[in-house]
Amino acid sequence: MKTALRVSLIFLFPIFAPEARAQQTQSATTTPAPAAQTPIQKNLEAYLRHSYAFGPDVLLVVGAPKVTAVDGLLETTINLTIGENKETVKFYVSKDGKFLVRGEMSDMTKDPLAESRSQIQMKEAPSLGDPKAAVTLVEYSDFECPVCRNLHDVLRDNILPKYSGKVRVVFKDFPIEQLHPWARTAAIAGRCAYQQNPTTFWKMYDFIYDNQEIISAANAWTKMLDYAGQSGLQADTFKSCMASPEAGEAINASRANGQLLDVNSTPTVFVNGRRIVGADARILEQYINYELNQLKSGKAADKN
């Protein structure tokens, strides 16, 4: 699975530094650290730089700690810049500055999936299946990502036939351009197909994933025009769309929505708001079956 150049305090700090440095094209522009840092901020910056070998070329700024609902626990953020890659990550630290807590803090009095569901923007996103289906599966994917192709195969050959009428699939673009040189071109092609004829998007979706191994940065534009023609799209309209800024802006908006949801790897899938990273058919079915069983249990309770 390909991973975006984004810091995740649970998994990616050890991976981020060497991978980002290998792919960066420019060194980070050093800017002064915030004035009047607290001892906790200073100690935390020193600790993280030492732990992950972040040299002076890496800009690491620790935000001012804020009080949380948990007594003795402060919340802060790291703003990390490596080359052209900039990310902001939240984490927690004890008030005495001794302990760093990596991960997420969950309020068990609230629905853990409600926030994710509310943040997913599905308007103007390609969708396949019954809009009233009990389960909505939203995939944030990259057309050049090999594991995304695996997900495509799982959905087309397994999930959609098996759960016909019960599952709707919504596609969200999340091209990782640092790793995949033609992913954005393919994403724009998919968007242009959708804008010309929403149902034709899924033909382009199949063409791109089915031919992923023969597409390259050098031939991507030509291949997209070819697949558009085979999909029945009007060539001149498609070309104009590919060259216009509107499709690119839609891709940017989709990617920004993924970042809001802390998507940092492709594919990332949300099954009624429940997150899965990867293309494991077994886990997908587990989550879908759970949601369908919950629906059945609710209906049975209503009858009683």
C-alpha atoms as a PDB file:
ATOM      1  CA  MET A   1       0.000   0.000   0.000  1.00  0.00           C
ATOM      2  CA  LYS A   2       1.336   3.414  -0.873  1.00  0.00           C
ATOM      3  CA  THR A   3       1.406   5.980   1.909  1.00  0.00           C
ATOM      4  CA  ALA A   4       1.044   9.728   1.482  1.00  0.00           C
ATOM      5  CA  LEU A   5       3.768  11.962   2.891  1.00  0.00           C
ATOM      6  CA  ARG A   6       1.834  12.681   6.042  1.00  0.00           C
ATOM      7  CA  VAL A   7       2.748  12.259   9.679  1.00  0.00           C
ATOM      8  CA  SER A   8       0.663   9.857  11.722  1.00  0.00           C
ATOM      9  CA  LEU A   9       1.730   9.645  15.338  1.00  0.00           C
ATOM     10  CA  ILE A  10       0.629   6.048  15.558  1.00  0.00           C
ATOM     11  CA  PHE A  11       2.408   4.620  12.538  1.00  0.00           C
ATOM     12  CA  LEU A  12       4.181   6.996  10.214  1.00  0.00           C
ATOM     13  CA  PHE A  13       6.732   8.990  12.173  1.00  0.00           C
ATOM     14  CA  PRO A  14       9.373   6.271  11.701  1.00  0.00           C
ATOM     15  CA  ILE A  15       8.565   5.984   7.981  1.00  0.00           C
ATOM     16  CA  PHE A  16       7.960   9.596   7.132  1.00  0.00           C
ATOM     17  CA  ALA A  17      11.454  11.008   7.532  1.00  0.00           C
ATOM     18  CA  PRO A  18      13.519   8.750   5.239  1.00  0.00           C
ATOM     19  CA  GLU A  19      10.781   8.423   2.606  1.00  0.00           C
ATOM     20  CA  ALA A  20      10.098  12.137   2.442  1.00  0.00           C
ATOM     21  CA  ARG A  21      13.755  13.013   2.249  1.00  0.00           C
ATOM     22  CA  ALA A  22      14.307  10.579  -0.587  1.00  0.00           C
ATOM     23  CA  GLN A  23      11.519  12.178  -2.622  1.00  0.00           C
ATOM     24  CA  GLN A  24      11.797  15.831  -1.777  1.00  0.00           C
ATOM     25  CA  THR A  25      12.915  18.197  -4.524  1.00  0.00           C
ATOM     26  CA  GLN A  26      13.765  21.159  -2.330  1.00  0.00           C
ATOM     27  CA  SER A  27      14.971  21.616   1.205  1.00  0.00           C
ATOM     28  CA  ALA A  28      12.600  23.104   3.712  1.00  0.00           C
ATOM     29  CA  THR A  29      12.650  26.840   4.134  1.00  0.00           C
ATOM     30  CA  THR A  30      13.639  27.485   7.723  1.00  0.00           C
ATOM     31  CA  THR A  31      11.491  29.940   9.620  1.00  0.00           C
ATOM     32  CA  PRO A  32      11.840  31.034  13.225  1.00  0.00           C
ATOM     33  CA  ALA A  33      10.161  28.926  15.888  1.00  0.00           C
ATOM     34  CA  PRO A  34       7.267  30.517  17.760  1.00  0.00           C
ATOM     35  CA  ALA A  35       8.318  32.983  20.455  1.00  0.00           C
ATOM     36  CA  ALA A  36       8.081  32.228  24.162  1.00  0.00           C
ATOM     37  CA  GLN A  37       7.903  28.448  23.964  1.00  0.00           C
ATOM     38  CA  THR A  38       6.924  26.704  27.174  1.00  0.00           C
ATOM     39  CA  PRO A  39       9.275  24.086  28.665  1.00  0.00           C
ATOM     40  CA  ILE A  40       6.874  21.370  27.467  1.00  0.00           C
ATOM     41  CA  GLN A  41       7.055  22.641  23.894  1.00  0.00           C
ATOM     42  CA  LYS A  42      10.853  22.810  23.978  1.00  0.00           C
ATOM     43  CA  ASN A  43      11.213  19.352  25.510  1.00  0.00           C
ATOM     44  CA  LEU A  44       8.721  17.832  23.093  1.00  0.00           C
ATOM     45  CA  GLU A  45      10.459  19.295  20.051  1.00  0.00           C
ATOM     46  CA  ALA A  46      13.835  18.061  21.284  1.00  0.00           C
ATOM     47  CA  TYR A  47      12.417  14.613  22.040  1.00  0.00           C
ATOM     48  CA  LEU A  48      10.824  14.204  18.597  1.00  0.00           C
ATOM     49  CA  ARG A  49      13.869  15.514  16.726  1.00  0.00           C
ATOM     50  CA  HIS A  50      16.072  13.066  18.613  1.00  0.00           C
ATOM     51  CA  SER A  51      13.665  10.120  18.217  1.00  0.00           C
ATOM     52  CA  TYR A  52      13.169  10.521  14.473  1.00  0.00           C
ATOM     53  CA  ALA A  53      16.488  12.117  13.475  1.00  0.00           C
ATOM     54  CA  PHE A  54      14.886  15.310  12.187  1.00  0.00           C
ATOM     55  CA  GLY A  55      17.787  17.562  11.255  1.00  0.00           C
ATOM     56  CA  PRO A  56      17.832  21.346  10.769  1.00  0.00           C
ATOM     57  CA  ASP A  57      16.364  20.950   7.272  1.00  0.00           C
ATOM     58  CA  VAL A  58      13.100  19.798   8.884  1.00  0.00           C
ATOM     59  CA  LEU A  59      10.873  22.509  10.281  1.00  0.00           C
ATOM     60  CA  LEU A  60       9.081  21.176  13.356  1.00  0.00           C
ATOM     61  CA  VAL A  61       6.904  23.568  15.350  1.00  0.00           C
ATOM     62  CA  VAL A  62       5.081  22.429  18.480  1.00  0.00           C
ATOM     63  CA  GLY A  63       1.843  24.273  19.140  1.00  0.00           C
ATOM     64  CA  ALA A  64       0.903  25.725  22.515  1.00  0.00           C
ATOM     65  CA  PRO A  65      -0.612  22.984  24.725  1.00  0.00           C
ATOM     66  CA  LYS A  66      -4.341  23.263  25.447  1.00  0.00           C
ATOM     67  CA  VAL A  67      -6.429  21.812  28.250  1.00  0.00           C
ATOM     68  CA  THR A  68      -8.553  18.762  27.386  1.00  0.00           C
ATOM     69  CA  ALA A  69     -11.566  17.153  29.029  1.00  0.00           C
ATOM     70  CA  VAL A  70      -9.210  14.602  30.602  1.00  0.00           C
ATOM     71  CA  ASP A  71      -7.613  15.798  33.819  1.00  0.00           C
ATOM     72  CA  GLY A  72      -3.838  15.937  33.557  1.00  0.00           C
ATOM     73  CA  LEU A  73      -3.752  15.640  29.761  1.00  0.00           C
ATOM     74  CA  LEU A  74      -2.934  18.473  27.352  1.00  0.00           C
ATOM     75  CA  GLU A  75      -3.558  18.594  23.607  1.00  0.00           C
ATOM     76  CA  THR A  76      -1.135  20.112  21.147  1.00  0.00           C
ATOM     77  CA  THR A  77      -0.150  19.915  17.494  1.00  0.00           C
ATOM     78  CA  ILE A  78       3.015  19.452  15.491  1.00  0.00           C
ATOM     79  CA  ASN A  79       3.423  21.440  12.305  1.00  0.00           C
ATOM     80  CA  LEU A  80       5.981  19.534  10.279  1.00  0.00           C
ATOM     81  CA  THR A  81       7.544  20.663   7.001  1.00  0.00           C
ATOM     82  CA  ILE A  82       9.868  18.470   4.961  1.00  0.00           C
ATOM     83  CA  GLY A  83      10.637  19.918   1.562  1.00  0.00           C
ATOM     84  CA  GLU A  84       7.332  20.858  -0.032  1.00  0.00           C
ATOM     85  CA  ASN A  85       5.324  18.573   2.250  1.00  0.00           C
ATOM     86  CA  LYS A  86       3.527  20.261   5.127  1.00  0.00           C
ATOM     87  CA  GLU A  87       1.350  18.499   7.659  1.00  0.00           C
ATOM     88  CA  THR A  88      -0.293  19.211  10.997  1.00  0.00           C
ATOM     89  CA  VAL A  89      -0.803  16.410  13.507  1.00  0.00           C
ATOM     90  CA  LYS A  90      -2.554  16.394  16.876  1.00  0.00           C
ATOM     91  CA  PHE A  91      -1.220  14.564  19.933  1.00  0.00           C
ATOM     92  CA  TYR A  92      -1.378  14.618  23.720  1.00  0.00           C
ATOM     93  CA  VAL A  93       1.137  15.211  26.505  1.00  0.00           C
ATOM     94  CA  SER A  94       0.851  14.975  30.287  1.00  0.00           C
ATOM     95  CA  LYS A  95       0.773  18.253  32.212  1.00  0.00           C
ATOM     96  CA  ASP A  96       4.081  17.466  33.879  1.00  0.00           C
ATOM     97  CA  GLY A  97       5.675  17.026  30.451  1.00  0.00           C
ATOM     98  CA  LYS A  98       6.820  13.479  31.170  1.00  0.00           C
ATOM     99  CA  PHE A  99       4.553  11.431  28.937  1.00  0.00           C
ATOM    100  CA  LEU A 100       3.677  11.652  25.254  1.00  0.00           C
ATOM    101  CA  VAL A 101       0.413  10.010  24.232  1.00  0.00           C
ATOM    102  CA  ARG A 102       0.182   8.998  20.593  1.00  0.00           C
ATOM    103  CA  GLY A 103      -3.141   8.224  18.988  1.00  0.00           C
ATOM    104  CA  GLU A 104      -6.694   9.426  19.301  1.00  0.00           C
ATOM    105  CA  MET A 105      -8.772  10.241  22.344  1.00  0.00           C
ATOM    106  CA  SER A 106     -12.351   9.036  22.055  1.00  0.00           C
ATOM    107  CA  ASP A 107     -15.401  10.231  23.969  1.00  0.00           C
ATOM    108  CA  MET A 108     -17.324   7.022  24.624  1.00  0.00           C
ATOM    109  CA  THR A 109     -20.532   8.959  25.304  1.00  0.00           C
ATOM    110  CA  LYS A 110     -20.753   9.814  21.569  1.00  0.00           C
ATOM    111  CA  ASP A 111     -21.278   7.768  18.397  1.00  0.00           C
ATOM    112  CA  PRO A 112     -17.685   7.096  17.230  1.00  0.00           C
ATOM    113  CA  LEU A 113     -18.724   7.136  13.565  1.00  0.00           C
ATOM    114  CA  ALA A 114     -20.998  10.174  13.523  1.00  0.00           C
ATOM    115  CA  GLU A 115     -18.199  12.699  13.057  1.00  0.00           C
ATOM    116  CA  SER A 116     -16.703  10.791  10.119  1.00  0.00           C
ATOM    117  CA  ARG A 117     -20.088  10.471   8.442  1.00  0.00           C
ATOM    118  CA  SER A 118     -20.750  14.187   8.860  1.00  0.00           C
ATOM    119  CA  GLN A 119     -17.379  15.147   7.341  1.00  0.00           C
ATOM    120  CA  ILE A 120     -17.567  12.979   4.220  1.00  0.00           C
ATOM    121  CA  GLN A 121     -18.674  15.159   1.319  1.00  0.00           C
ATOM    122  CA  MET A 122     -20.568  13.059  -1.208  1.00  0.00           C
ATOM    123  CA  LYS A 123     -22.195  15.813  -3.245  1.00  0.00           C
ATOM    124  CA  GLU A 124     -20.923  15.787  -6.851  1.00  0.00           C
ATOM    125  CA  ALA A 125     -19.037  12.533  -6.230  1.00  0.00           C
ATOM    126  CA  PRO A 126     -19.481   9.532  -8.548  1.00  0.00           C
ATOM    127  CA  SER A 127     -21.708   6.881  -7.004  1.00  0.00           C
ATOM    128  CA  LEU A 128     -22.755   3.391  -8.028  1.00  0.00           C
ATOM    129  CA  GLY A 129     -25.710   1.494  -6.622  1.00  0.00           C
ATOM    130  CA  ASP A 130     -29.034   2.301  -4.992  1.00  0.00           C
ATOM    131  CA  PRO A 131     -28.913   5.769  -3.354  1.00  0.00           C
ATOM    132  CA  LYS A 132     -31.176   4.331  -0.640  1.00  0.00           C
ATOM    133  CA  ALA A 133     -28.922   1.337   0.045  1.00  0.00           C
ATOM    134  CA  ALA A 134     -28.479   0.458   3.709  1.00  0.00           C
ATOM    135  CA  VAL A 135     -24.696   0.630   3.457  1.00  0.00           C
ATOM    136  CA  THR A 136     -22.669   3.413   1.837  1.00  0.00           C
ATOM    137  CA  LEU A 137     -19.063   2.582   1.072  1.00  0.00           C
ATOM    138  CA  VAL A 138     -16.931   5.669   0.365  1.00  0.00           C
ATOM    139  CA  GLU A 139     -13.490   5.016  -1.114  1.00  0.00           C
ATOM    140  CA  TYR A 140     -10.681   7.575  -1.205  1.00  0.00           C
ATOM    141  CA  SER A 141      -8.461   6.231  -3.955  1.00  0.00           C
ATOM    142  CA  ASP A 142      -5.576   6.913  -6.307  1.00  0.00           C
ATOM    143  CA  PHE A 143      -5.802   5.512  -9.845  1.00  0.00           C
ATOM    144  CA  GLU A 144      -2.092   4.628  -9.916  1.00  0.00           C
ATOM    145  CA  CYS A 145      -2.083   2.888  -6.527  1.00  0.00           C
ATOM    146  CA  PRO A 146      -1.758  -0.943  -6.885  1.00  0.00           C
ATOM    147  CA  VAL A 147      -3.775  -1.647  -3.734  1.00  0.00           C
ATOM    148  CA  CYS A 148      -6.520   0.638  -5.043  1.00  0.00           C
ATOM    149  CA  ARG A 149      -6.674  -1.598  -8.093  1.00  0.00           C
ATOM    150  CA  ASN A 150      -7.075  -4.556  -5.735  1.00  0.00           C
ATOM    151  CA  LEU A 151      -9.978  -2.747  -4.079  1.00  0.00           C
ATOM    152  CA  HIS A 152     -11.498  -2.062  -7.503  1.00  0.00           C
ATOM    153  CA  ASP A 153     -11.368  -5.795  -8.269  1.00  0.00           C
ATOM    154  CA  VAL A 154     -12.840  -6.745  -4.896  1.00  0.00           C
ATOM    155  CA  LEU A 155     -15.717  -4.308  -5.300  1.00  0.00           C
ATOM    156  CA  ARG A 156     -16.519  -5.224  -8.898  1.00  0.00           C
ATOM    157  CA  ASP A 157     -16.066  -8.997  -8.639  1.00  0.00           C
ATOM    158  CA  ASN A 158     -17.217  -9.652  -5.095  1.00  0.00           C
ATOM    159  CA  ILE A 159     -18.867  -6.930  -3.023  1.00  0.00           C
ATOM    160  CA  LEU A 160     -21.230  -5.333  -5.537  1.00  0.00           C
ATOM    161  CA  PRO A 161     -22.594  -8.615  -6.989  1.00  0.00           C
ATOM    162  CA  LYS A 162     -22.947 -10.180  -3.532  1.00  0.00           C
ATOM    163  CA  TYR A 163     -24.670  -7.179  -1.950  1.00  0.00           C
ATOM    164  CA  SER A 164     -26.661  -5.923  -4.918  1.00  0.00           C
ATOM    165  CA  GLY A 165     -29.183  -3.314  -3.782  1.00  0.00           C
ATOM    166  CA  LYS A 166     -27.696  -3.230  -0.288  1.00  0.00           C
ATOM    167  CA  VAL A 167     -24.417  -1.372  -0.891  1.00  0.00           C
ATOM    168  CA  ARG A 168     -23.739   1.910  -2.658  1.00  0.00           C
ATOM    169  CA  VAL A 169     -20.160   2.850  -3.620  1.00  0.00           C
ATOM    170  CA  VAL A 170     -19.025   6.489  -3.690  1.00  0.00           C
ATOM    171  CA  PHE A 171     -15.665   7.363  -5.233  1.00  0.00           C
ATOM    172  CA  LYS A 172     -13.472  10.177  -3.904  1.00  0.00           C
ATOM    173  CA  ASP A 173     -10.223  11.171  -5.612  1.00  0.00           C
ATOM    174  CA  PHE A 174      -7.107  11.156  -3.461  1.00  0.00           C
ATOM    175  CA  PRO A 175      -4.112  11.164  -5.842  1.00  0.00           C
ATOM    176  CA  ILE A 176      -0.763  10.940  -4.086  1.00  0.00           C
ATOM    177  CA  GLU A 177       1.305  12.880  -6.579  1.00  0.00           C
ATOM    178  CA  GLN A 178       4.585  12.591  -4.683  1.00  0.00           C
ATOM    179  CA  LEU A 179       4.527   8.847  -5.340  1.00  0.00           C
ATOM    180  CA  HIS A 180       2.385   8.480  -8.459  1.00  0.00           C
ATOM    181  CA  PRO A 181       3.291  10.743 -11.393  1.00  0.00           C
ATOM    182  CA  TRP A 182       0.205  10.063 -13.537  1.00  0.00           C
ATOM    183  CA  ALA A 183      -2.400   9.709 -10.783  1.00  0.00           C
ATOM    184  CA  ARG A 184      -3.625  13.301 -11.083  1.00  0.00           C
ATOM    185  CA  THR A 185      -4.012  13.049 -14.878  1.00  0.00           C
ATOM    186  CA  ALA A 186      -6.164   9.952 -14.386  1.00  0.00           C
ATOM    187  CA  ALA A 187      -8.169  11.642 -11.643  1.00  0.00           C
ATOM    188  CA  ILE A 188      -8.884  14.618 -13.912  1.00  0.00           C
ATOM    189  CA  ALA A 189      -9.923  12.220 -16.679  1.00  0.00           C
ATOM    190  CA  GLY A 190     -12.331  10.503 -14.320  1.00  0.00           C
ATOM    191  CA  ARG A 191     -13.736  13.841 -13.226  1.00  0.00           C
ATOM    192  CA  CYS A 192     -14.206  14.951 -16.847  1.00  0.00           C
ATOM    193  CA  ALA A 193     -15.998  11.692 -17.621  1.00  0.00           C
ATOM    194  CA  TYR A 194     -18.270  12.283 -14.646  1.00  0.00           C
ATOM    195  CA  GLN A 195     -19.025  15.857 -15.678  1.00  0.00           C
ATOM    196  CA  GLN A 196     -19.962  14.795 -19.213  1.00  0.00           C
ATOM    197  CA  ASN A 197     -21.965  11.728 -18.167  1.00  0.00           C
ATOM    198  CA  PRO A 198     -22.009  10.595 -14.513  1.00  0.00           C
ATOM    199  CA  THR A 199     -22.650   6.932 -15.320  1.00  0.00           C
ATOM    200  CA  THR A 200     -19.708   6.861 -17.745  1.00  0.00           C
ATOM    201  CA  PHE A 201     -17.305   7.608 -14.905  1.00  0.00           C
ATOM    202  CA  TRP A 202     -17.503   3.947 -13.934  1.00  0.00           C
ATOM    203  CA  LYS A 203     -16.437   2.852 -17.429  1.00  0.00           C
ATOM    204  CA  MET A 204     -13.369   5.068 -17.118  1.00  0.00           C
ATOM    205  CA  TYR A 205     -12.830   3.727 -13.591  1.00  0.00           C
ATOM    206  CA  ASP A 206     -12.715   0.176 -14.996  1.00  0.00           C
ATOM    207  CA  PHE A 207     -10.554   1.087 -17.985  1.00  0.00           C
ATOM    208  CA  ILE A 208      -7.928   2.839 -15.865  1.00  0.00           C
ATOM    209  CA  TYR A 209      -7.635   0.162 -13.195  1.00  0.00           C
ATOM    210  CA  ASP A 210      -7.785  -2.712 -15.691  1.00  0.00           C
ATOM    211  CA  ASN A 211      -4.935  -1.154 -17.690  1.00  0.00           C
ATOM    212  CA  GLN A 212      -2.941   0.297 -14.819  1.00  0.00           C
ATOM    213  CA  GLU A 213       0.241  -1.601 -15.689  1.00  0.00           C
ATOM    214  CA  ILE A 214       0.488  -0.106 -19.207  1.00  0.00           C
ATOM    215  CA  ILE A 215      -0.183   3.521 -18.225  1.00  0.00           C
ATOM    216  CA  SER A 216       2.807   5.774 -17.574  1.00  0.00           C
ATOM    217  CA  ALA A 217       3.475   9.448 -16.989  1.00  0.00           C
ATOM    218  CA  ALA A 218       4.596   9.671 -20.623  1.00  0.00           C
ATOM    219  CA  ASN A 219       1.460   8.154 -22.145  1.00  0.00           C
ATOM    220  CA  ALA A 220      -1.218   8.984 -19.546  1.00  0.00           C
ATOM    221  CA  TRP A 221      -2.817  11.818 -21.529  1.00  0.00           C
ATOM    222  CA  THR A 222      -3.083   9.694 -24.689  1.00  0.00           C
ATOM    223  CA  LYS A 223      -4.416   6.716 -22.746  1.00  0.00           C
ATOM    224  CA  MET A 224      -7.083   8.829 -21.060  1.00  0.00           C
ATOM    225  CA  LEU A 225      -8.274  10.126 -24.444  1.00  0.00           C
ATOM    226  CA  ASP A 226      -8.362   6.559 -25.737  1.00  0.00           C
ATOM    227  CA  TYR A 227     -10.372   5.273 -22.769  1.00  0.00           C
ATOM    228  CA  ALA A 228     -12.736   8.245 -23.006  1.00  0.00           C
ATOM    229  CA  GLY A 229     -13.434   7.351 -26.620  1.00  0.00           C
ATOM    230  CA  GLN A 230     -14.016   3.694 -25.754  1.00  0.00           C
ATOM    231  CA  SER A 231     -16.394   4.821 -23.003  1.00  0.00           C
ATOM    232  CA  GLY A 232     -18.505   6.736 -25.507  1.00  0.00           C
ATOM    233  CA  LEU A 233     -17.583  10.242 -24.394  1.00  0.00           C
ATOM    234  CA  GLN A 234     -17.562  13.190 -26.804  1.00  0.00           C
ATOM    235  CA  ALA A 235     -13.886  13.750 -27.610  1.00  0.00           C
ATOM    236  CA  ASP A 236     -13.759  17.553 -27.983  1.00  0.00           C
ATOM    237  CA  THR A 237     -15.752  18.136 -24.801  1.00  0.00           C
ATOM    238  CA  PHE A 238     -13.505  15.718 -22.932  1.00  0.00           C
ATOM    239  CA  LYS A 239     -10.308  17.382 -24.186  1.00  0.00           C
ATOM    240  CA  SER A 240     -11.577  20.841 -23.234  1.00  0.00           C
ATOM    241  CA  CYS A 241     -12.428  19.624 -19.756  1.00  0.00           C
ATOM    242  CA  MET A 242      -9.016  17.993 -19.308  1.00  0.00           C
ATOM    243  CA  ALA A 243      -7.327  21.306 -20.168  1.00  0.00           C
ATOM    244  CA  SER A 244      -9.576  23.479 -17.993  1.00  0.00           C
ATOM    245  CA  PRO A 245      -9.019  24.284 -14.299  1.00  0.00           C
ATOM    246  CA  GLU A 246     -12.467  23.147 -13.111  1.00  0.00           C
ATOM    247  CA  ALA A 247     -11.715  19.415 -13.054  1.00  0.00           C
ATOM    248  CA  GLY A 248      -8.453  20.023 -11.207  1.00  0.00           C
ATOM    249  CA  GLU A 249     -10.249  22.138  -8.628  1.00  0.00           C
ATOM    250  CA  ALA A 250     -12.702  19.295  -8.043  1.00  0.00           C
ATOM    251  CA  ILE A 251      -9.778  16.904  -7.461  1.00  0.00           C
ATOM    252  CA  ASN A 252      -8.243  19.364  -4.994  1.00  0.00           C
ATOM    253  CA  ALA A 253     -11.537  19.621  -3.115  1.00  0.00           C
ATOM    254  CA  SER A 254     -11.863  15.843  -2.938  1.00  0.00           C
ATOM    255  CA  ARG A 255      -8.330  15.492  -1.623  1.00  0.00           C
ATOM    256  CA  ALA A 256      -8.878  18.245   0.942  1.00  0.00           C
ATOM    257  CA  ASN A 257     -11.969  16.415   2.154  1.00  0.00           C
ATOM    258  CA  GLY A 258      -9.875  13.282   2.617  1.00  0.00           C
ATOM    259  CA  GLN A 259      -7.290  15.206   4.599  1.00  0.00           C
ATOM    260  CA  LEU A 260     -10.063  16.538   6.846  1.00  0.00           C
ATOM    261  CA  LEU A 261     -10.802  12.891   7.649  1.00  0.00           C
ATOM    262  CA  ASP A 262      -7.102  12.143   8.267  1.00  0.00           C
ATOM    263  CA  VAL A 263      -6.813  10.046   5.120  1.00  0.00           C
ATOM    264  CA  ASN A 264      -3.101   9.459   4.576  1.00  0.00           C
ATOM    265  CA  SER A 265      -3.044   6.170   2.678  1.00  0.00           C
ATOM    266  CA  THR A 266      -4.840   4.814  -0.332  1.00  0.00           C
ATOM    267  CA  PRO A 267      -7.218   3.209  -0.491  1.00  0.00           C
ATOM    268  CA  THR A 268      -9.022   4.386   2.623  1.00  0.00           C
ATOM    269  CA  VAL A 269     -12.627   3.241   2.780  1.00  0.00           C
ATOM    270  CA  PHE A 270     -15.475   4.311   5.055  1.00  0.00           C
ATOM    271  CA  VAL A 271     -18.319   1.803   5.497  1.00  0.00           C
ATOM    272  CA  ASN A 272     -21.160   3.859   6.965  1.00  0.00           C
ATOM    273  CA  GLY A 273     -18.399   5.924   8.544  1.00  0.00           C
ATOM    274  CA  ARG A 274     -16.284   3.007   9.780  1.00  0.00           C
ATOM    275  CA  ARG A 275     -12.709   3.293   8.459  1.00  0.00           C
ATOM    276  CA  ILE A 276     -10.762   0.585   6.627  1.00  0.00           C
ATOM    277  CA  VAL A 277      -7.300   1.105   5.153  1.00  0.00           C
ATOM    278  CA  GLY A 278      -6.529  -1.310   2.331  1.00  0.00           C
ATOM    279  CA  ALA A 279      -8.510  -3.747   0.226  1.00  0.00           C
ATOM    280  CA  ASP A 280      -9.214  -6.664   2.561  1.00  0.00           C
ATOM    281  CA  ALA A 281     -12.431  -8.254   1.280  1.00  0.00           C
ATOM    282  CA  ARG A 282     -12.937 -10.132   4.546  1.00  0.00           C
ATOM    283  CA  ILE A 283     -12.956  -6.946   6.630  1.00  0.00           C
ATOM    284  CA  LEU A 284     -15.178  -5.166   4.120  1.00  0.00           C
ATOM    285  CA  GLU A 285     -17.713  -7.976   4.339  1.00  0.00           C
ATOM    286  CA  GLN A 286     -17.459  -8.016   8.127  1.00  0.00           C
ATOM    287  CA  TYR A 287     -18.326  -4.313   8.293  1.00  0.00           C
ATOM    288  CA  ILE A 288     -21.090  -4.569   5.692  1.00  0.00           C
ATOM    289  CA  ASN A 289     -22.653  -7.590   7.401  1.00  0.00           C
ATOM    290  CA  TYR A 290     -22.490  -5.819  10.748  1.00  0.00           C
ATOM    291  CA  GLU A 291     -24.366  -2.813   9.366  1.00  0.00           C
ATOM    292  CA  LEU A 292     -26.989  -5.011   7.697  1.00  0.00           C
ATOM    293  CA  ASN A 293     -27.471  -7.040  10.893  1.00  0.00           C
ATOM    294  CA  GLN A 294     -27.852  -3.834  12.885  1.00  0.00           C
ATOM    295  CA  LEU A 295     -30.572  -2.767  10.475  1.00  0.00           C
ATOM    296  CA  LYS A 296     -32.348  -6.117  10.854  1.00  0.00           C
ATOM    297  CA  SER A 297     -32.097  -5.934  14.645  1.00  0.00           C
ATOM    298  CA  GLY A 298     -33.578  -2.436  14.587  1.00  0.00           C
ATOM    299  CA  LYS A 299     -36.501  -3.530  12.430  1.00  0.00           C
ATOM    300  CA  ALA A 300     -37.138  -6.541  14.641  1.00  0.00           C
ATOM    301  CA  ALA A 301     -37.145  -4.325  17.738  1.00  0.00           C
ATOM    302  CA  ASP A 302     -39.606  -1.957  16.085  1.00  0.00           C
ATOM    303  CA  LYS A 303     -41.990  -4.838  15.350  1.00  0.00           C
ATOM    304  CA  ASN A 304     -41.847  -5.967  18.954  1.00  0.00           C
END
